[in-house]
Amino acid sequence: MASAASVVRRALLYVPSSSRKMLEKSQGLTVDCVAYDLEDSVSPNMKAEARQNLRSHLSKPRPAGITEQAVRINDVRSGLAEDDLAAVCQTPNLDTVVIPKVDAASDIRFVTDYLTHHRGNGQQPPKILALIESAKSLSNLSSICTASPFLSGLIFAAEDFAFDLSLTRTSSLTEFLYARSAIVTAARAHELPSTIDLVCTSFKGEEGERTLEEECIGGKTLGFNGKQCIHPNQVGIAQRAFAPGEKEVEWAVRVTIADGKVVCGAWSLDGKMVDVPVVRKAKVIVERAEVCGIDIAAVREKWKDQEPE
């Protein structure tokens, strides 16, 4: 199982597969994860064409700026999922399958079995991300998290969850606090590397950007390490917000350097106690910062003389 620090999905951007223009434009993006969509953004009469578009797109050379290419299929009970999987399963550049409306472990097992039996010889099986969208899925989190060795994370679908529970979404997002906390806790308990937060429906102008940044900070505070995006303009903000900040990285590097010079148990830095859990946290931050492209070597050089207090 990859560590949470080494798997980075700070932004997961949905791109409708029914639009050849959007598929082509996506190749020029710089983003951790693009989820090419066959579900909500594709009308029923366009599903077959979207599959053909996507099969062709995922057979092209991998774009340099996209770390992970995912496909969101239709839900298992829709009767469309098997055709979706058949269209993309053997394409050379499929990294991950996003499963919507996961209510039970059986939804993930269905996709896992299909991928196991139909993925081409010599190809690594794609990872799986599960969308948590209902009260039923929330109550089944433990079994969902253990349903497949391919499962790599959970995504919170706030709009469908609100519909299921007859909730009204507010700017505070407090109506989702229990669900979001439960998702993050379950993912951590089962060592799933990704927890991807709800979509921010505001994306235009300064107010939209401010709302997105506030949501990202709030999600990070709850324990999420990524954000769903519905417009390319949201990607940069999300990826900055979910990367370790400059002060956070400096603190973590100072802790790891000083810890290497410690000859006893607990010690202190800047007047605060540092023990094993704190050091462990610092090492995770450093690892994640490196994966996010931050120059850790330069920070280490700056603080190479750091001593424990």
C-alpha atoms as a PDB file:
ATOM      1  CA  MET A   1       0.000   0.000   0.000  1.00  0.00           C
ATOM      2  CA  ALA A   2       1.420   3.382  -1.045  1.00  0.00           C
ATOM      3  CA  SER A   3       1.697   5.936   1.715  1.00  0.00           C
ATOM      4  CA  ALA A   4      -0.669   8.884   1.797  1.00  0.00           C
ATOM      5  CA  ALA A   5       2.272  11.193   1.245  1.00  0.00           C
ATOM      6  CA  SER A   6       3.531   9.445  -1.898  1.00  0.00           C
ATOM      7  CA  VAL A   7       0.134   9.412  -3.665  1.00  0.00           C
ATOM      8  CA  VAL A   8      -0.795  12.975  -4.564  1.00  0.00           C
ATOM      9  CA  ARG A   9      -4.220  13.924  -5.898  1.00  0.00           C
ATOM     10  CA  ARG A  10      -4.433  17.548  -4.793  1.00  0.00           C
ATOM     11  CA  ALA A  11      -6.823  18.275  -7.646  1.00  0.00           C
ATOM     12  CA  LEU A  12      -9.086  15.819  -9.451  1.00  0.00           C
ATOM     13  CA  LEU A  13     -10.503  17.566 -12.525  1.00  0.00           C
ATOM     14  CA  TYR A  14     -13.571  16.190 -14.307  1.00  0.00           C
ATOM     15  CA  VAL A  15     -13.558  16.403 -18.113  1.00  0.00           C
ATOM     16  CA  PRO A  16     -16.652  15.302 -20.105  1.00  0.00           C
ATOM     17  CA  SER A  17     -15.697  12.540 -22.530  1.00  0.00           C
ATOM     18  CA  SER A  18     -18.497  13.479 -24.915  1.00  0.00           C
ATOM     19  CA  SER A  19     -16.545  16.609 -25.932  1.00  0.00           C
ATOM     20  CA  ARG A  20     -13.597  15.939 -28.238  1.00  0.00           C
ATOM     21  CA  LYS A  21     -12.617  19.596 -27.882  1.00  0.00           C
ATOM     22  CA  MET A  22     -12.359  19.332 -24.086  1.00  0.00           C
ATOM     23  CA  LEU A  23     -10.469  16.051 -24.331  1.00  0.00           C
ATOM     24  CA  GLU A  24      -7.926  17.663 -26.633  1.00  0.00           C
ATOM     25  CA  LYS A  25      -7.602  20.780 -24.449  1.00  0.00           C
ATOM     26  CA  SER A  26      -7.017  18.620 -21.384  1.00  0.00           C
ATOM     27  CA  GLN A  27      -3.737  17.385 -22.865  1.00  0.00           C
ATOM     28  CA  GLY A  28      -2.167  20.774 -22.200  1.00  0.00           C
ATOM     29  CA  LEU A  29      -3.120  20.883 -18.517  1.00  0.00           C
ATOM     30  CA  THR A  30      -0.830  20.527 -15.518  1.00  0.00           C
ATOM     31  CA  VAL A  31      -2.830  18.642 -12.896  1.00  0.00           C
ATOM     32  CA  ASP A  32      -2.383  15.717 -10.526  1.00  0.00           C
ATOM     33  CA  CYS A  33      -5.437  13.805 -11.772  1.00  0.00           C
ATOM     34  CA  VAL A  34      -7.877  14.159 -14.654  1.00  0.00           C
ATOM     35  CA  ALA A  35     -11.063  12.100 -14.374  1.00  0.00           C
ATOM     36  CA  TYR A  36     -12.513  11.694 -17.844  1.00  0.00           C
ATOM     37  CA  ASP A  37     -16.231  11.462 -17.265  1.00  0.00           C
ATOM     38  CA  LEU A  38     -18.716   8.979 -18.697  1.00  0.00           C
ATOM     39  CA  GLU A  39     -21.344   9.623 -16.009  1.00  0.00           C
ATOM     40  CA  ASP A  40     -23.115  12.845 -14.995  1.00  0.00           C
ATOM     41  CA  SER A  41     -21.658  15.205 -17.602  1.00  0.00           C
ATOM     42  CA  VAL A  42     -22.578  12.898 -20.499  1.00  0.00           C
ATOM     43  CA  SER A  43     -26.203  12.730 -21.656  1.00  0.00           C
ATOM     44  CA  PRO A  44     -27.706   9.250 -22.271  1.00  0.00           C
ATOM     45  CA  ASN A  45     -27.725   9.677 -26.044  1.00  0.00           C
ATOM     46  CA  MET A  46     -24.007  10.522 -26.013  1.00  0.00           C
ATOM     47  CA  LYS A  47     -22.721   7.624 -23.902  1.00  0.00           C
ATOM     48  CA  ALA A  48     -21.624   5.428 -26.833  1.00  0.00           C
ATOM     49  CA  GLU A  49     -19.835   8.270 -28.589  1.00  0.00           C
ATOM     50  CA  ALA A  50     -18.154   9.313 -25.328  1.00  0.00           C
ATOM     51  CA  ARG A  51     -16.780   5.790 -24.886  1.00  0.00           C
ATOM     52  CA  GLN A  52     -15.335   5.837 -28.404  1.00  0.00           C
ATOM     53  CA  ASN A  53     -13.792   9.266 -27.812  1.00  0.00           C
ATOM     54  CA  LEU A  54     -12.229   8.104 -24.583  1.00  0.00           C
ATOM     55  CA  ARG A  55     -10.867   4.859 -25.972  1.00  0.00           C
ATOM     56  CA  SER A  56      -9.078   6.850 -28.655  1.00  0.00           C
ATOM     57  CA  HIS A  57      -7.896   9.515 -26.225  1.00  0.00           C
ATOM     58  CA  LEU A  58      -6.380   7.048 -23.751  1.00  0.00           C
ATOM     59  CA  SER A  59      -4.491   5.365 -26.583  1.00  0.00           C
ATOM     60  CA  LYS A  60      -2.586   8.551 -27.411  1.00  0.00           C
ATOM     61  CA  PRO A  61       0.817   9.399 -25.880  1.00  0.00           C
ATOM     62  CA  ARG A  62       0.510  10.356 -22.231  1.00  0.00           C
ATOM     63  CA  PRO A  63       0.345  14.151 -21.647  1.00  0.00           C
ATOM     64  CA  ALA A  64       3.405  15.445 -19.821  1.00  0.00           C
ATOM     65  CA  GLY A  65       1.495  17.593 -17.336  1.00  0.00           C
ATOM     66  CA  ILE A  66      -1.064  15.034 -16.160  1.00  0.00           C
ATOM     67  CA  THR A  67       0.183  12.726 -13.430  1.00  0.00           C
ATOM     68  CA  GLU A  68      -2.836  10.389 -13.372  1.00  0.00           C
ATOM     69  CA  GLN A  69      -5.495   9.653 -15.984  1.00  0.00           C
ATOM     70  CA  ALA A  70      -8.719   8.332 -14.483  1.00  0.00           C
ATOM     71  CA  VAL A  71     -12.136   7.450 -15.895  1.00  0.00           C
ATOM     72  CA  ARG A  72     -15.392   7.937 -14.029  1.00  0.00           C
ATOM     73  CA  ILE A  73     -17.702   5.180 -15.196  1.00  0.00           C
ATOM     74  CA  ASN A  74     -21.461   4.999 -14.660  1.00  0.00           C
ATOM     75  CA  ASP A  75     -22.606   3.374 -11.447  1.00  0.00           C
ATOM     76  CA  VAL A  76     -22.727  -0.405 -11.215  1.00  0.00           C
ATOM     77  CA  ARG A  77     -26.516  -0.554 -10.965  1.00  0.00           C
ATOM     78  CA  SER A  78     -27.097   1.662 -14.019  1.00  0.00           C
ATOM     79  CA  GLY A  79     -26.575  -1.150 -16.523  1.00  0.00           C
ATOM     80  CA  LEU A  80     -23.901   0.996 -18.229  1.00  0.00           C
ATOM     81  CA  ALA A  81     -20.801   0.258 -16.174  1.00  0.00           C
ATOM     82  CA  GLU A  82     -19.782  -2.923 -17.988  1.00  0.00           C
ATOM     83  CA  ASP A  83     -19.855  -1.179 -21.383  1.00  0.00           C
ATOM     84  CA  ASP A  84     -17.818   1.677 -19.912  1.00  0.00           C
ATOM     85  CA  LEU A  85     -15.208  -0.721 -18.558  1.00  0.00           C
ATOM     86  CA  ALA A  86     -15.068  -2.665 -21.808  1.00  0.00           C
ATOM     87  CA  ALA A  87     -14.335   0.539 -23.699  1.00  0.00           C
ATOM     88  CA  VAL A  88     -11.359   1.640 -21.593  1.00  0.00           C
ATOM     89  CA  CYS A  89     -10.080  -1.410 -19.719  1.00  0.00           C
ATOM     90  CA  GLN A  90      -7.309  -2.300 -22.147  1.00  0.00           C
ATOM     91  CA  THR A  91      -6.235   1.206 -23.123  1.00  0.00           C
ATOM     92  CA  PRO A  92      -2.539   1.714 -22.355  1.00  0.00           C
ATOM     93  CA  ASN A  93      -2.851   4.939 -20.352  1.00  0.00           C
ATOM     94  CA  LEU A  94      -5.697   4.157 -17.958  1.00  0.00           C
ATOM     95  CA  ASP A  95      -4.418   4.617 -14.410  1.00  0.00           C
ATOM     96  CA  THR A  96      -7.557   4.696 -12.281  1.00  0.00           C
ATOM     97  CA  VAL A  97     -11.275   3.924 -12.374  1.00  0.00           C
ATOM     98  CA  VAL A  98     -13.601   6.221 -10.431  1.00  0.00           C
ATOM     99  CA  ILE A  99     -16.781   4.430  -9.320  1.00  0.00           C
ATOM    100  CA  PRO A 100     -19.784   6.656  -8.552  1.00  0.00           C
ATOM    101  CA  LYS A 101     -22.631   5.938  -6.145  1.00  0.00           C
ATOM    102  CA  VAL A 102     -20.770   3.257  -4.215  1.00  0.00           C
ATOM    103  CA  ASP A 103     -23.368   2.076  -1.706  1.00  0.00           C
ATOM    104  CA  ALA A 104     -21.783  -1.245  -0.781  1.00  0.00           C
ATOM    105  CA  ALA A 105     -18.608  -3.276  -1.053  1.00  0.00           C
ATOM    106  CA  SER A 106     -20.217  -5.336  -3.828  1.00  0.00           C
ATOM    107  CA  ASP A 107     -20.032  -2.301  -6.171  1.00  0.00           C
ATOM    108  CA  ILE A 108     -16.258  -2.201  -5.817  1.00  0.00           C
ATOM    109  CA  ARG A 109     -15.906  -5.979  -6.042  1.00  0.00           C
ATOM    110  CA  PHE A 110     -17.820  -5.954  -9.357  1.00  0.00           C
ATOM    111  CA  VAL A 111     -15.333  -3.507 -10.881  1.00  0.00           C
ATOM    112  CA  THR A 112     -12.346  -5.275  -9.317  1.00  0.00           C
ATOM    113  CA  ASP A 113     -13.429  -8.622 -10.785  1.00  0.00           C
ATOM    114  CA  TYR A 114     -13.920  -7.067 -14.219  1.00  0.00           C
ATOM    115  CA  LEU A 115     -10.512  -5.389 -14.196  1.00  0.00           C
ATOM    116  CA  THR A 116      -8.814  -8.548 -12.968  1.00  0.00           C
ATOM    117  CA  HIS A 117     -10.253 -10.676 -15.774  1.00  0.00           C
ATOM    118  CA  HIS A 118     -10.190  -8.205 -18.671  1.00  0.00           C
ATOM    119  CA  ARG A 119      -7.080  -6.050 -18.246  1.00  0.00           C
ATOM    120  CA  GLY A 120      -4.505  -6.809 -20.939  1.00  0.00           C
ATOM    121  CA  ASN A 121      -1.613  -9.170 -20.272  1.00  0.00           C
ATOM    122  CA  GLY A 122       1.309  -7.439 -18.632  1.00  0.00           C
ATOM    123  CA  GLN A 123      -0.685  -4.323 -17.769  1.00  0.00           C
ATOM    124  CA  GLN A 124      -0.901  -3.152 -14.193  1.00  0.00           C
ATOM    125  CA  PRO A 125      -4.492  -3.202 -12.903  1.00  0.00           C
ATOM    126  CA  PRO A 126      -5.913   0.325 -12.543  1.00  0.00           C
ATOM    127  CA  LYS A 127      -6.427   1.770  -9.101  1.00  0.00           C
ATOM    128  CA  ILE A 128      -9.948   2.504  -7.864  1.00  0.00           C
ATOM    129  CA  LEU A 129     -11.471   5.604  -6.283  1.00  0.00           C
ATOM    130  CA  ALA A 130     -14.920   5.305  -4.697  1.00  0.00           C
ATOM    131  CA  LEU A 131     -17.475   8.113  -4.590  1.00  0.00           C
ATOM    132  CA  ILE A 132     -19.388   8.257  -1.303  1.00  0.00           C
ATOM    133  CA  GLU A 133     -22.787   9.759  -2.121  1.00  0.00           C
ATOM    134  CA  SER A 134     -25.479   8.459   0.237  1.00  0.00           C
ATOM    135  CA  ALA A 135     -26.441   7.566   3.776  1.00  0.00           C
ATOM    136  CA  LYS A 136     -26.133   3.902   2.836  1.00  0.00           C
ATOM    137  CA  SER A 137     -22.583   4.321   1.589  1.00  0.00           C
ATOM    138  CA  LEU A 138     -21.639   6.233   4.724  1.00  0.00           C
ATOM    139  CA  SER A 139     -22.986   3.439   6.926  1.00  0.00           C
ATOM    140  CA  ASN A 140     -21.009   0.859   4.910  1.00  0.00           C
ATOM    141  CA  LEU A 141     -17.675   2.693   4.932  1.00  0.00           C
ATOM    142  CA  SER A 142     -15.747  -0.011   6.751  1.00  0.00           C
ATOM    143  CA  SER A 143     -16.671  -2.777   4.313  1.00  0.00           C
ATOM    144  CA  ILE A 144     -16.222  -0.451   1.326  1.00  0.00           C
ATOM    145  CA  CYS A 145     -12.691   0.413   2.455  1.00  0.00           C
ATOM    146  CA  THR A 146     -11.699  -3.257   2.569  1.00  0.00           C
ATOM    147  CA  ALA A 147     -13.481  -4.370  -0.627  1.00  0.00           C
ATOM    148  CA  SER A 148     -10.511  -4.365  -3.005  1.00  0.00           C
ATOM    149  CA  PRO A 149      -6.705  -4.281  -3.010  1.00  0.00           C
ATOM    150  CA  PHE A 150      -7.027  -1.781  -5.883  1.00  0.00           C
ATOM    151  CA  LEU A 151      -8.910   0.781  -3.786  1.00  0.00           C
ATOM    152  CA  SER A 152      -6.800   3.931  -3.468  1.00  0.00           C
ATOM    153  CA  GLY A 153      -9.136   6.496  -1.942  1.00  0.00           C
ATOM    154  CA  LEU A 154     -12.566   7.936  -1.191  1.00  0.00           C
ATOM    155  CA  ILE A 155     -14.299  10.940  -2.758  1.00  0.00           C
ATOM    156  CA  PHE A 156     -17.154  12.842  -1.133  1.00  0.00           C
ATOM    157  CA  ALA A 157     -20.039  13.707  -3.488  1.00  0.00           C
ATOM    158  CA  ALA A 158     -21.823  16.434  -1.556  1.00  0.00           C
ATOM    159  CA  GLU A 159     -24.652  17.240  -3.966  1.00  0.00           C
ATOM    160  CA  ASP A 160     -25.919  13.667  -4.214  1.00  0.00           C
ATOM    161  CA  PHE A 161     -25.442  13.207  -0.473  1.00  0.00           C
ATOM    162  CA  ALA A 162     -27.495  16.351   0.185  1.00  0.00           C
ATOM    163  CA  PHE A 163     -30.253  15.070  -2.096  1.00  0.00           C
ATOM    164  CA  ASP A 164     -30.287  11.693  -0.378  1.00  0.00           C
ATOM    165  CA  LEU A 165     -30.644  13.258   3.075  1.00  0.00           C
ATOM    166  CA  SER A 166     -32.815  16.222   1.976  1.00  0.00           C
ATOM    167  CA  LEU A 167     -30.129  18.669   3.105  1.00  0.00           C
ATOM    168  CA  THR A 168     -29.659  22.224   1.904  1.00  0.00           C
ATOM    169  CA  ARG A 169     -26.069  23.113   1.115  1.00  0.00           C
ATOM    170  CA  THR A 170     -24.905  26.263   2.886  1.00  0.00           C
ATOM    171  CA  SER A 171     -21.707  28.294   2.626  1.00  0.00           C
ATOM    172  CA  SER A 172     -20.549  27.019   6.028  1.00  0.00           C
ATOM    173  CA  LEU A 173     -20.790  23.361   4.890  1.00  0.00           C
ATOM    174  CA  THR A 174     -21.597  22.401   8.498  1.00  0.00           C
ATOM    175  CA  GLU A 175     -24.399  20.149   7.250  1.00  0.00           C
ATOM    176  CA  PHE A 176     -21.665  17.886   5.808  1.00  0.00           C
ATOM    177  CA  LEU A 177     -19.366  17.873   8.836  1.00  0.00           C
ATOM    178  CA  TYR A 178     -20.292  14.395  10.062  1.00  0.00           C
ATOM    179  CA  ALA A 179     -20.079  12.818   6.609  1.00  0.00           C
ATOM    180  CA  ARG A 180     -16.762  14.455   5.741  1.00  0.00           C
ATOM    181  CA  SER A 181     -15.205  13.514   9.081  1.00  0.00           C
ATOM    182  CA  ALA A 182     -16.440   9.929   8.760  1.00  0.00           C
ATOM    183  CA  ILE A 183     -14.956   9.588   5.276  1.00  0.00           C
ATOM    184  CA  VAL A 184     -11.554  10.924   6.310  1.00  0.00           C
ATOM    185  CA  THR A 185     -11.497   8.770   9.443  1.00  0.00           C
ATOM    186  CA  ALA A 186     -12.425   5.584   7.562  1.00  0.00           C
ATOM    187  CA  ALA A 187      -9.817   6.204   4.876  1.00  0.00           C
ATOM    188  CA  ARG A 188      -7.089   6.767   7.451  1.00  0.00           C
ATOM    189  CA  ALA A 189      -8.134   3.739   9.478  1.00  0.00           C
ATOM    190  CA  HIS A 190      -7.796   1.534   6.390  1.00  0.00           C
ATOM    191  CA  GLU A 191      -4.634   3.251   5.098  1.00  0.00           C
ATOM    192  CA  LEU A 192      -6.181   4.568   1.886  1.00  0.00           C
ATOM    193  CA  PRO A 193      -3.906   7.313   0.553  1.00  0.00           C
ATOM    194  CA  SER A 194      -6.499   9.693  -0.930  1.00  0.00           C
ATOM    195  CA  THR A 195      -9.437  11.572   0.570  1.00  0.00           C
ATOM    196  CA  ILE A 196     -10.877  13.974  -1.989  1.00  0.00           C
ATOM    197  CA  ASP A 197     -13.298  16.645  -0.848  1.00  0.00           C
ATOM    198  CA  LEU A 198     -16.525  18.014  -2.286  1.00  0.00           C
ATOM    199  CA  VAL A 199     -16.855  20.099  -5.448  1.00  0.00           C
ATOM    200  CA  CYS A 200     -16.811  23.869  -5.071  1.00  0.00           C
ATOM    201  CA  THR A 201     -19.605  25.121  -7.304  1.00  0.00           C
ATOM    202  CA  SER A 202     -18.162  28.668  -7.403  1.00  0.00           C
ATOM    203  CA  PHE A 203     -15.382  29.177  -9.918  1.00  0.00           C
ATOM    204  CA  LYS A 204     -15.887  32.560 -11.594  1.00  0.00           C
ATOM    205  CA  GLY A 205     -14.222  35.807 -10.581  1.00  0.00           C
ATOM    206  CA  GLU A 206     -12.432  36.804  -7.398  1.00  0.00           C
ATOM    207  CA  GLU A 207     -15.346  35.763  -5.187  1.00  0.00           C
ATOM    208  CA  GLY A 208     -15.391  32.288  -6.698  1.00  0.00           C
ATOM    209  CA  GLU A 209     -11.642  31.924  -6.211  1.00  0.00           C
ATOM    210  CA  ARG A 210     -11.914  33.108  -2.618  1.00  0.00           C
ATOM    211  CA  THR A 211     -14.708  30.615  -1.907  1.00  0.00           C
ATOM    212  CA  LEU A 212     -12.674  27.799  -3.435  1.00  0.00           C
ATOM    213  CA  GLU A 213      -9.609  28.670  -1.383  1.00  0.00           C
ATOM    214  CA  GLU A 214     -11.669  28.800   1.816  1.00  0.00           C
ATOM    215  CA  GLU A 215     -13.203  25.404   1.033  1.00  0.00           C
ATOM    216  CA  CYS A 216      -9.777  23.916   0.339  1.00  0.00           C
ATOM    217  CA  ILE A 217      -8.399  25.205   3.633  1.00  0.00           C
ATOM    218  CA  GLY A 218     -11.461  23.898   5.467  1.00  0.00           C
ATOM    219  CA  GLY A 219     -11.167  20.499   3.826  1.00  0.00           C
ATOM    220  CA  LYS A 220      -7.461  20.263   4.594  1.00  0.00           C
ATOM    221  CA  THR A 221      -8.218  21.099   8.224  1.00  0.00           C
ATOM    222  CA  LEU A 222     -10.656  18.159   8.348  1.00  0.00           C
ATOM    223  CA  GLY A 223      -8.046  15.798   6.931  1.00  0.00           C
ATOM    224  CA  PHE A 224      -8.802  15.780   3.189  1.00  0.00           C
ATOM    225  CA  ASN A 225      -5.779  15.859   0.902  1.00  0.00           C
ATOM    226  CA  GLY A 226      -7.441  16.780  -2.396  1.00  0.00           C
ATOM    227  CA  LYS A 227     -10.340  18.569  -4.059  1.00  0.00           C
ATOM    228  CA  GLN A 228     -12.685  17.726  -6.917  1.00  0.00           C
ATOM    229  CA  CYS A 229     -12.601  20.390  -9.633  1.00  0.00           C
ATOM    230  CA  ILE A 230     -15.114  21.134 -12.370  1.00  0.00           C
ATOM    231  CA  HIS A 231     -13.178  23.854 -14.204  1.00  0.00           C
ATOM    232  CA  PRO A 232      -9.467  24.146 -15.108  1.00  0.00           C
ATOM    233  CA  ASN A 233      -9.347  27.526 -13.332  1.00  0.00           C
ATOM    234  CA  GLN A 234      -9.844  25.718 -10.026  1.00  0.00           C
ATOM    235  CA  VAL A 235      -6.837  23.423 -10.399  1.00  0.00           C
ATOM    236  CA  GLY A 236      -4.050  25.834  -9.479  1.00  0.00           C
ATOM    237  CA  ILE A 237      -5.774  27.014  -6.317  1.00  0.00           C
ATOM    238  CA  ALA A 238      -6.525  23.464  -5.173  1.00  0.00           C
ATOM    239  CA  GLN A 239      -3.013  22.204  -5.852  1.00  0.00           C
ATOM    240  CA  ARG A 240      -1.429  25.083  -3.961  1.00  0.00           C
ATOM    241  CA  ALA A 241      -3.819  24.701  -1.033  1.00  0.00           C
ATOM    242  CA  PHE A 242      -3.252  20.959  -0.635  1.00  0.00           C
ATOM    243  CA  ALA A 243       0.530  21.145  -0.969  1.00  0.00           C
ATOM    244  CA  PRO A 244       2.547  21.761   2.201  1.00  0.00           C
ATOM    245  CA  GLY A 245       3.084  25.486   2.768  1.00  0.00           C
ATOM    246  CA  GLU A 246       6.496  27.147   3.004  1.00  0.00           C
ATOM    247  CA  LYS A 247       6.445  27.520   6.793  1.00  0.00           C
ATOM    248  CA  GLU A 248       5.063  23.991   7.196  1.00  0.00           C
ATOM    249  CA  VAL A 249       7.890  22.562   5.090  1.00  0.00           C
ATOM    250  CA  GLU A 250      10.556  24.524   6.964  1.00  0.00           C
ATOM    251  CA  TRP A 251       9.230  23.314  10.300  1.00  0.00           C
ATOM    252  CA  ALA A 252       9.152  19.701   9.105  1.00  0.00           C
ATOM    253  CA  VAL A 253      12.693  19.851   7.731  1.00  0.00           C
ATOM    254  CA  ARG A 254      13.982  21.443  10.942  1.00  0.00           C
ATOM    255  CA  VAL A 255      12.336  18.679  12.981  1.00  0.00           C
ATOM    256  CA  THR A 256      13.816  15.886  10.859  1.00  0.00           C
ATOM    257  CA  ILE A 257      17.301  17.427  10.927  1.00  0.00           C
ATOM    258  CA  ALA A 258      17.263  18.039  14.671  1.00  0.00           C
ATOM    259  CA  ASP A 259      15.821  14.611  15.356  1.00  0.00           C
ATOM    260  CA  GLY A 260      18.845  13.042  13.713  1.00  0.00           C
ATOM    261  CA  LYS A 261      21.002  14.667  16.368  1.00  0.00           C
ATOM    262  CA  VAL A 262      18.908  13.637  19.372  1.00  0.00           C
ATOM    263  CA  VAL A 263      20.341  11.118  21.845  1.00  0.00           C
ATOM    264  CA  CYS A 264      17.329  10.892  24.168  1.00  0.00           C
ATOM    265  CA  GLY A 265      13.521  10.594  23.760  1.00  0.00           C
ATOM    266  CA  ALA A 266      11.438  13.753  23.702  1.00  0.00           C
ATOM    267  CA  TRP A 267      13.034  17.115  22.975  1.00  0.00           C
ATOM    268  CA  SER A 268      11.838  20.590  22.012  1.00  0.00           C
ATOM    269  CA  LEU A 269      11.892  23.021  19.106  1.00  0.00           C
ATOM    270  CA  ASP A 270      10.823  26.659  19.358  1.00  0.00           C
ATOM    271  CA  GLY A 271       9.739  25.971  22.921  1.00  0.00           C
ATOM    272  CA  LYS A 272       7.379  23.125  21.942  1.00  0.00           C
ATOM    273  CA  MET A 273       7.812  19.452  22.772  1.00  0.00           C
ATOM    274  CA  VAL A 274       8.766  17.091  19.971  1.00  0.00           C
ATOM    275  CA  ASP A 275       8.192  13.348  20.410  1.00  0.00           C
ATOM    276  CA  VAL A 276       7.799  10.341  18.127  1.00  0.00           C
ATOM    277  CA  PRO A 277       4.331  11.246  16.686  1.00  0.00           C
ATOM    278  CA  VAL A 278       5.525  14.779  15.899  1.00  0.00           C
ATOM    279  CA  VAL A 279       8.612  13.467  14.123  1.00  0.00           C
ATOM    280  CA  ARG A 280       6.468  11.006  12.178  1.00  0.00           C
ATOM    281  CA  LYS A 281       4.219  13.865  11.054  1.00  0.00           C
ATOM    282  CA  ALA A 282       7.225  15.930   9.994  1.00  0.00           C
ATOM    283  CA  LYS A 283       8.586  13.078   7.872  1.00  0.00           C
ATOM    284  CA  VAL A 284       5.213  12.702   6.114  1.00  0.00           C
ATOM    285  CA  ILE A 285       5.157  16.423   5.333  1.00  0.00           C
ATOM    286  CA  VAL A 286       8.672  16.273   3.887  1.00  0.00           C
ATOM    287  CA  GLU A 287       7.786  13.249   1.753  1.00  0.00           C
ATOM    288  CA  ARG A 288       4.622  14.903   0.447  1.00  0.00           C
ATOM    289  CA  ALA A 289       6.467  18.145  -0.269  1.00  0.00           C
ATOM    290  CA  GLU A 290       9.008  16.261  -2.372  1.00  0.00           C
ATOM    291  CA  VAL A 291       6.236  14.570  -4.375  1.00  0.00           C
ATOM    292  CA  CYS A 292       4.628  17.997  -4.904  1.00  0.00           C
ATOM    293  CA  GLY A 293       7.853  19.247  -6.477  1.00  0.00           C
ATOM    294  CA  ILE A 294       9.102  21.409  -3.601  1.00  0.00           C
ATOM    295  CA  ASP A 295      12.912  21.781  -3.433  1.00  0.00           C
ATOM    296  CA  ILE A 296      13.555  20.015  -0.154  1.00  0.00           C
ATOM    297  CA  ALA A 297      17.317  19.905  -0.755  1.00  0.00           C
ATOM    298  CA  ALA A 298      17.451  23.699  -0.642  1.00  0.00           C
ATOM    299  CA  VAL A 299      15.457  23.805   2.600  1.00  0.00           C
ATOM    300  CA  ARG A 300      17.719  21.156   4.156  1.00  0.00           C
ATOM    301  CA  GLU A 301      20.758  23.207   3.212  1.00  0.00           C
ATOM    302  CA  LYS A 302      19.269  26.314   4.826  1.00  0.00           C
ATOM    303  CA  TRP A 303      18.586  24.483   8.106  1.00  0.00           C
ATOM    304  CA  LYS A 304      21.459  22.001   8.131  1.00  0.00           C
ATOM    305  CA  ASP A 305      22.771  23.354  11.427  1.00  0.00           C
ATOM    306  CA  GLN A 306      19.454  23.017  13.261  1.00  0.00           C
ATOM    307  CA  GLU A 307      19.944  21.584  16.739  1.00  0.00           C
ATOM    308  CA  PRO A 308      17.376  20.170  19.194  1.00  0.00           C
ATOM    309  CA  GLU A 309      16.668  22.417  22.150  1.00  0.00           C
END
